[in-house]
Amino acid sequence: MEDSLVSKVKSAMPPEDDLFEVAELFKAFGDMTRAKIICALSESELCVSDLAQLLEMNQSAVSHQLRLLKQARLVKTRRDGKVRYYSLADEHIKEMFKVAFEHVMEE
């Protein structure tokens, strides 16, 4: 690569902190259980017991994964009495999951 091209690409690179956050975001996607939760929540808002039943897991394990997804700002919660409902944080999450899924389904 010529020096001017390297300089051009280097100047277009985002700051290290931003790249770290993107890597952390993809790390949160990088677990089968979390991928299933994101897939389910892209269809509907659900509570922990609904997700546990859907994924055939215990509520404690589901809660742990939801906590990680919430820390990564991929899901948000809404409280209705004693029940906490989970949904995707925004449409970007749904779109990223959809694009990733389309990519792996390509031939």
N, C-alpha and C. Protein backbone atom coordinates (compact mmCIF):
# COMPACT_ATOMS: atom_id res chain seq x y z
N MET A 1 0.85 -1.18 0.00
CA MET A 1 0.00 0.00 0.00
C MET A 1 0.89 1.24 0.00
N GLU A 2 0.51 2.22 -0.76
CA GLU A 2 1.30 3.43 -0.78
C GLU A 2 1.03 4.25 0.47
N ASP A 3 2.01 5.09 0.84
CA ASP A 3 1.93 5.86 2.08
C ASP A 3 0.72 6.78 2.15
N SER A 4 0.35 7.41 1.01
CA SER A 4 -0.80 8.33 1.03
C SER A 4 -2.10 7.57 1.28
N LEU A 5 -2.19 6.37 0.76
CA LEU A 5 -3.38 5.55 0.97
C LEU A 5 -3.47 5.13 2.44
N VAL A 6 -2.35 4.72 3.00
CA VAL A 6 -2.30 4.34 4.42
C VAL A 6 -2.71 5.53 5.28
N SER A 7 -2.20 6.69 4.96
CA SER A 7 -2.55 7.91 5.73
C SER A 7 -4.03 8.22 5.62
N LYS A 8 -4.56 8.06 4.42
CA LYS A 8 -5.99 8.33 4.20
C LYS A 8 -6.85 7.38 5.03
N VAL A 9 -6.51 6.07 4.98
CA VAL A 9 -7.27 5.08 5.73
C VAL A 9 -7.12 5.34 7.23
N LYS A 10 -5.89 5.64 7.66
CA LYS A 10 -5.64 5.90 9.08
C LYS A 10 -6.46 7.08 9.58
N SER A 11 -6.57 8.12 8.79
CA SER A 11 -7.33 9.30 9.22
C SER A 11 -8.84 9.02 9.25
N ALA A 12 -9.27 8.01 8.51
CA ALA A 12 -10.70 7.66 8.50
C ALA A 12 -11.07 6.71 9.64
N MET A 13 -10.07 6.15 10.29
CA MET A 13 -10.33 5.20 11.37
C MET A 13 -10.93 5.92 12.57
N PRO A 14 -11.94 5.31 13.22
CA PRO A 14 -12.53 5.93 14.42
C PRO A 14 -11.57 5.80 15.60
N PRO A 15 -11.81 6.56 16.66
CA PRO A 15 -10.97 6.48 17.85
C PRO A 15 -11.00 5.07 18.46
N GLU A 16 -9.92 4.70 19.13
CA GLU A 16 -9.80 3.38 19.76
C GLU A 16 -10.97 3.09 20.70
N ASP A 17 -11.39 4.07 21.48
CA ASP A 17 -12.51 3.87 22.43
C ASP A 17 -13.78 3.46 21.70
N ASP A 18 -14.03 4.07 20.56
CA ASP A 18 -15.23 3.73 19.79
C ASP A 18 -15.13 2.32 19.21
N LEU A 19 -13.94 1.96 18.73
CA LEU A 19 -13.74 0.61 18.22
C LEU A 19 -13.91 -0.43 19.31
N PHE A 20 -13.46 -0.09 20.51
CA PHE A 20 -13.61 -0.99 21.65
C PHE A 20 -15.09 -1.23 21.93
N GLU A 21 -15.89 -0.16 21.91
CA GLU A 21 -17.33 -0.29 22.17
C GLU A 21 -18.01 -1.14 21.11
N VAL A 22 -17.61 -0.99 19.86
CA VAL A 22 -18.18 -1.81 18.79
C VAL A 22 -17.82 -3.27 19.00
N ALA A 23 -16.57 -3.52 19.37
CA ALA A 23 -16.13 -4.90 19.63
C ALA A 23 -16.92 -5.50 20.78
N GLU A 24 -17.17 -4.73 21.83
CA GLU A 24 -17.96 -5.20 22.97
C GLU A 24 -19.40 -5.50 22.55
N LEU A 25 -19.94 -4.67 21.67
CA LEU A 25 -21.29 -4.89 21.17
C LEU A 25 -21.37 -6.23 20.43
N PHE A 26 -20.41 -6.49 19.56
CA PHE A 26 -20.42 -7.75 18.83
C PHE A 26 -20.16 -8.93 19.76
N LYS A 27 -19.40 -8.72 20.81
CA LYS A 27 -19.17 -9.77 21.79
C LYS A 27 -20.49 -10.16 22.45
N ALA A 28 -21.33 -9.16 22.73
CA ALA A 28 -22.63 -9.44 23.35
C ALA A 28 -23.51 -10.27 22.41
N PHE A 29 -23.38 -10.06 21.12
CA PHE A 29 -24.13 -10.85 20.14
C PHE A 29 -23.56 -12.26 20.02
N GLY A 30 -22.31 -12.46 20.46
CA GLY A 30 -21.58 -13.68 20.19
C GLY A 30 -21.84 -14.84 21.12
N ASP A 31 -23.05 -15.03 21.54
CA ASP A 31 -23.42 -16.14 22.41
C ASP A 31 -24.77 -16.67 21.92
N MET A 32 -24.88 -17.98 21.81
CA MET A 32 -26.09 -18.60 21.26
C MET A 32 -27.34 -18.23 22.06
N THR A 33 -27.26 -18.27 23.38
CA THR A 33 -28.43 -17.93 24.20
C THR A 33 -28.83 -16.48 24.01
N ARG A 34 -27.85 -15.59 24.00
CA ARG A 34 -28.17 -14.17 23.80
C ARG A 34 -28.73 -13.94 22.40
N ALA A 35 -28.22 -14.67 21.41
CA ALA A 35 -28.76 -14.55 20.05
C ALA A 35 -30.22 -15.00 20.01
N LYS A 36 -30.53 -16.07 20.72
CA LYS A 36 -31.93 -16.54 20.79
C LYS A 36 -32.82 -15.50 21.47
N ILE A 37 -32.32 -14.90 22.53
CA ILE A 37 -33.09 -13.88 23.25
C ILE A 37 -33.34 -12.69 22.34
N ILE A 38 -32.31 -12.24 21.64
CA ILE A 38 -32.46 -11.10 20.72
C ILE A 38 -33.46 -11.45 19.62
N CYS A 39 -33.37 -12.65 19.10
CA CYS A 39 -34.32 -13.10 18.07
C CYS A 39 -35.74 -13.08 18.60
N ALA A 40 -35.95 -13.61 19.79
CA ALA A 40 -37.29 -13.64 20.40
C ALA A 40 -37.81 -12.23 20.65
N LEU A 41 -36.94 -11.36 21.17
CA LEU A 41 -37.36 -10.00 21.49
C LEU A 41 -37.56 -9.15 20.24
N SER A 42 -37.03 -9.60 19.12
CA SER A 42 -37.29 -8.88 17.87
C SER A 42 -38.72 -9.13 17.40
N GLU A 43 -39.34 -10.18 17.95
CA GLU A 43 -40.73 -10.49 17.62
C GLU A 43 -41.72 -9.86 18.60
N SER A 44 -41.32 -9.81 19.90
CA SER A 44 -42.26 -9.32 20.90
C SER A 44 -41.55 -9.02 22.22
N GLU A 45 -42.11 -8.11 22.97
CA GLU A 45 -41.68 -7.86 24.34
C GLU A 45 -42.05 -9.09 25.17
N LEU A 46 -41.13 -9.55 26.02
CA LEU A 46 -41.37 -10.75 26.82
C LEU A 46 -40.81 -10.57 28.23
N CYS A 47 -41.37 -11.32 29.17
CA CYS A 47 -40.84 -11.33 30.54
C CYS A 47 -39.87 -12.52 30.67
N VAL A 48 -39.17 -12.58 31.79
CA VAL A 48 -38.17 -13.63 32.01
C VAL A 48 -38.81 -15.01 31.94
N SER A 49 -39.98 -15.17 32.56
CA SER A 49 -40.61 -16.50 32.55
C SER A 49 -41.01 -16.92 31.15
N ASP A 50 -41.47 -15.97 30.32
CA ASP A 50 -41.79 -16.28 28.92
C ASP A 50 -40.53 -16.73 28.18
N LEU A 51 -39.45 -15.99 28.36
CA LEU A 51 -38.20 -16.34 27.70
C LEU A 51 -37.67 -17.68 28.18
N ALA A 52 -37.76 -17.93 29.48
CA ALA A 52 -37.29 -19.21 30.03
C ALA A 52 -38.06 -20.37 29.42
N GLN A 53 -39.37 -20.21 29.30
CA GLN A 53 -40.20 -21.26 28.70
C GLN A 53 -39.85 -21.44 27.22
N LEU A 54 -39.73 -20.33 26.52
CA LEU A 54 -39.42 -20.37 25.09
C LEU A 54 -38.06 -21.04 24.83
N LEU A 55 -37.06 -20.71 25.64
CA LEU A 55 -35.71 -21.23 25.43
C LEU A 55 -35.44 -22.53 26.16
N GLU A 56 -36.43 -22.98 26.93
CA GLU A 56 -36.30 -24.20 27.73
C GLU A 56 -35.08 -24.12 28.64
N MET A 57 -35.03 -23.01 29.39
CA MET A 57 -33.94 -22.76 30.34
C MET A 57 -34.55 -22.32 31.66
N ASN A 58 -33.73 -22.33 32.71
CA ASN A 58 -34.27 -21.83 33.98
C ASN A 58 -34.20 -20.30 33.99
N GLN A 59 -35.06 -19.71 34.81
CA GLN A 59 -35.19 -18.26 34.84
C GLN A 59 -33.89 -17.57 35.26
N SER A 60 -33.14 -18.21 36.15
CA SER A 60 -31.89 -17.63 36.61
C SER A 60 -30.90 -17.46 35.46
N ALA A 61 -30.78 -18.48 34.63
CA ALA A 61 -29.86 -18.43 33.49
C ALA A 61 -30.30 -17.36 32.49
N VAL A 62 -31.60 -17.27 32.25
CA VAL A 62 -32.12 -16.26 31.33
C VAL A 62 -31.88 -14.86 31.90
N SER A 63 -32.13 -14.69 33.19
CA SER A 63 -31.91 -13.39 33.84
C SER A 63 -30.46 -12.95 33.71
N HIS A 64 -29.54 -13.90 33.87
CA HIS A 64 -28.11 -13.59 33.75
C HIS A 64 -27.80 -13.06 32.35
N GLN A 65 -28.31 -13.72 31.32
CA GLN A 65 -28.07 -13.29 29.95
C GLN A 65 -28.73 -11.94 29.66
N LEU A 66 -29.92 -11.73 30.20
CA LEU A 66 -30.61 -10.45 30.03
C LEU A 66 -29.83 -9.32 30.69
N ARG A 67 -29.23 -9.60 31.82
CA ARG A 67 -28.42 -8.60 32.53
C ARG A 67 -27.24 -8.18 31.64
N LEU A 68 -26.60 -9.15 31.00
CA LEU A 68 -25.48 -8.84 30.10
C LEU A 68 -25.95 -8.04 28.89
N LEU A 69 -27.11 -8.41 28.35
CA LEU A 69 -27.66 -7.67 27.21
C LEU A 69 -28.04 -6.25 27.60
N LYS A 70 -28.53 -6.09 28.81
CA LYS A 70 -28.89 -4.75 29.28
C LYS A 70 -27.65 -3.90 29.48
N GLN A 71 -26.60 -4.50 30.04
CA GLN A 71 -25.33 -3.77 30.22
C GLN A 71 -24.76 -3.33 28.88
N ALA A 72 -24.97 -4.13 27.86
CA ALA A 72 -24.49 -3.81 26.51
C ALA A 72 -25.45 -2.86 25.79
N ARG A 73 -26.51 -2.47 26.47
CA ARG A 73 -27.54 -1.56 25.93
C ARG A 73 -28.24 -2.12 24.70
N LEU A 74 -28.42 -3.45 24.71
CA LEU A 74 -29.14 -4.10 23.62
C LEU A 74 -30.60 -4.33 23.96
N VAL A 75 -30.92 -4.39 25.26
CA VAL A 75 -32.31 -4.54 25.68
C VAL A 75 -32.65 -3.48 26.72
N LYS A 76 -33.93 -3.23 26.84
CA LYS A 76 -34.44 -2.31 27.87
C LYS A 76 -35.57 -3.01 28.60
N THR A 77 -35.96 -2.45 29.73
CA THR A 77 -37.02 -3.06 30.53
C THR A 77 -38.16 -2.09 30.76
N ARG A 78 -39.31 -2.70 31.02
CA ARG A 78 -40.51 -1.95 31.40
C ARG A 78 -41.16 -2.75 32.52
N ARG A 79 -41.54 -2.06 33.55
CA ARG A 79 -42.16 -2.73 34.69
C ARG A 79 -43.67 -2.58 34.65
N ASP A 80 -44.35 -3.69 34.93
CA ASP A 80 -45.81 -3.67 35.04
C ASP A 80 -46.14 -4.42 36.32
N GLY A 81 -46.33 -3.70 37.41
CA GLY A 81 -46.53 -4.32 38.72
C GLY A 81 -45.24 -4.99 39.14
N LYS A 82 -45.31 -6.28 39.40
CA LYS A 82 -44.12 -7.03 39.81
C LYS A 82 -43.35 -7.62 38.64
N VAL A 83 -43.95 -7.56 37.46
CA VAL A 83 -43.34 -8.19 36.29
C VAL A 83 -42.52 -7.18 35.50
N ARG A 84 -41.33 -7.61 35.11
CA ARG A 84 -40.45 -6.78 34.28
C ARG A 84 -40.44 -7.37 32.88
N TYR A 85 -40.78 -6.54 31.91
CA TYR A 85 -40.80 -6.96 30.51
C TYR A 85 -39.56 -6.44 29.79
N TYR A 86 -39.02 -7.27 28.92
CA TYR A 86 -37.82 -6.93 28.17
C TYR A 86 -38.17 -6.73 26.71
N SER A 87 -37.49 -5.77 26.10
CA SER A 87 -37.64 -5.53 24.67
C SER A 87 -36.29 -5.06 24.14
N LEU A 88 -36.15 -5.05 22.82
CA LEU A 88 -34.90 -4.56 22.24
C LEU A 88 -34.79 -3.06 22.51
N ALA A 89 -33.58 -2.61 22.71
CA ALA A 89 -33.34 -1.21 23.08
C ALA A 89 -33.83 -0.24 22.01
N ASP A 90 -33.67 -0.61 20.74
CA ASP A 90 -34.16 0.24 19.66
C ASP A 90 -34.18 -0.55 18.35
N GLU A 91 -34.63 0.08 17.31
CA GLU A 91 -34.75 -0.58 16.00
C GLU A 91 -33.39 -0.97 15.43
N HIS A 92 -32.32 -0.26 15.82
CA HIS A 92 -30.99 -0.59 15.32
C HIS A 92 -30.61 -2.03 15.67
N ILE A 93 -30.96 -2.46 16.87
CA ILE A 93 -30.62 -3.81 17.31
C ILE A 93 -31.32 -4.83 16.43
N LYS A 94 -32.60 -4.61 16.21
CA LYS A 94 -33.38 -5.51 15.35
C LYS A 94 -32.78 -5.55 13.95
N GLU A 95 -32.41 -4.39 13.42
CA GLU A 95 -31.86 -4.30 12.07
C GLU A 95 -30.49 -4.99 11.99
N MET A 96 -29.64 -4.78 13.00
CA MET A 96 -28.32 -5.43 13.01
C MET A 96 -28.47 -6.95 13.02
N PHE A 97 -29.40 -7.44 13.84
CA PHE A 97 -29.62 -8.88 13.92
C PHE A 97 -30.14 -9.41 12.58
N LYS A 98 -31.05 -8.68 11.98
CA LYS A 98 -31.63 -9.07 10.70
C LYS A 98 -30.55 -9.12 9.62
N VAL A 99 -29.70 -8.11 9.56
CA VAL A 99 -28.62 -8.06 8.56
C VAL A 99 -27.63 -9.21 8.78
N ALA A 100 -27.29 -9.46 10.05
CA ALA A 100 -26.37 -10.55 10.36
C ALA A 100 -26.98 -11.89 9.94
N PHE A 101 -28.25 -12.06 10.21
CA PHE A 101 -28.93 -13.30 9.85
C PHE A 101 -28.96 -13.47 8.33
N GLU A 102 -29.27 -12.41 7.63
CA GLU A 102 -29.28 -12.46 6.15
C GLU A 102 -27.89 -12.83 5.63
N HIS A 103 -26.87 -12.29 6.26
CA HIS A 103 -25.49 -12.57 5.81
C HIS A 103 -25.16 -14.06 5.96
N VAL A 104 -25.51 -14.65 7.08
CA VAL A 104 -25.17 -16.07 7.27
C VAL A 104 -26.03 -16.98 6.41
N MET A 105 -27.17 -16.51 5.94
CA MET A 105 -28.04 -17.32 5.10
C MET A 105 -27.65 -17.25 3.62
N GLU A 106 -26.75 -16.31 3.27
CA GLU A 106 -26.30 -16.20 1.88
C GLU A 106 -25.55 -17.46 1.46
N GLU A 107 -25.61 -17.74 0.19
CA GLU A 107 -24.86 -18.91 -0.32
C GLU A 107 -23.48 -18.53 -0.71
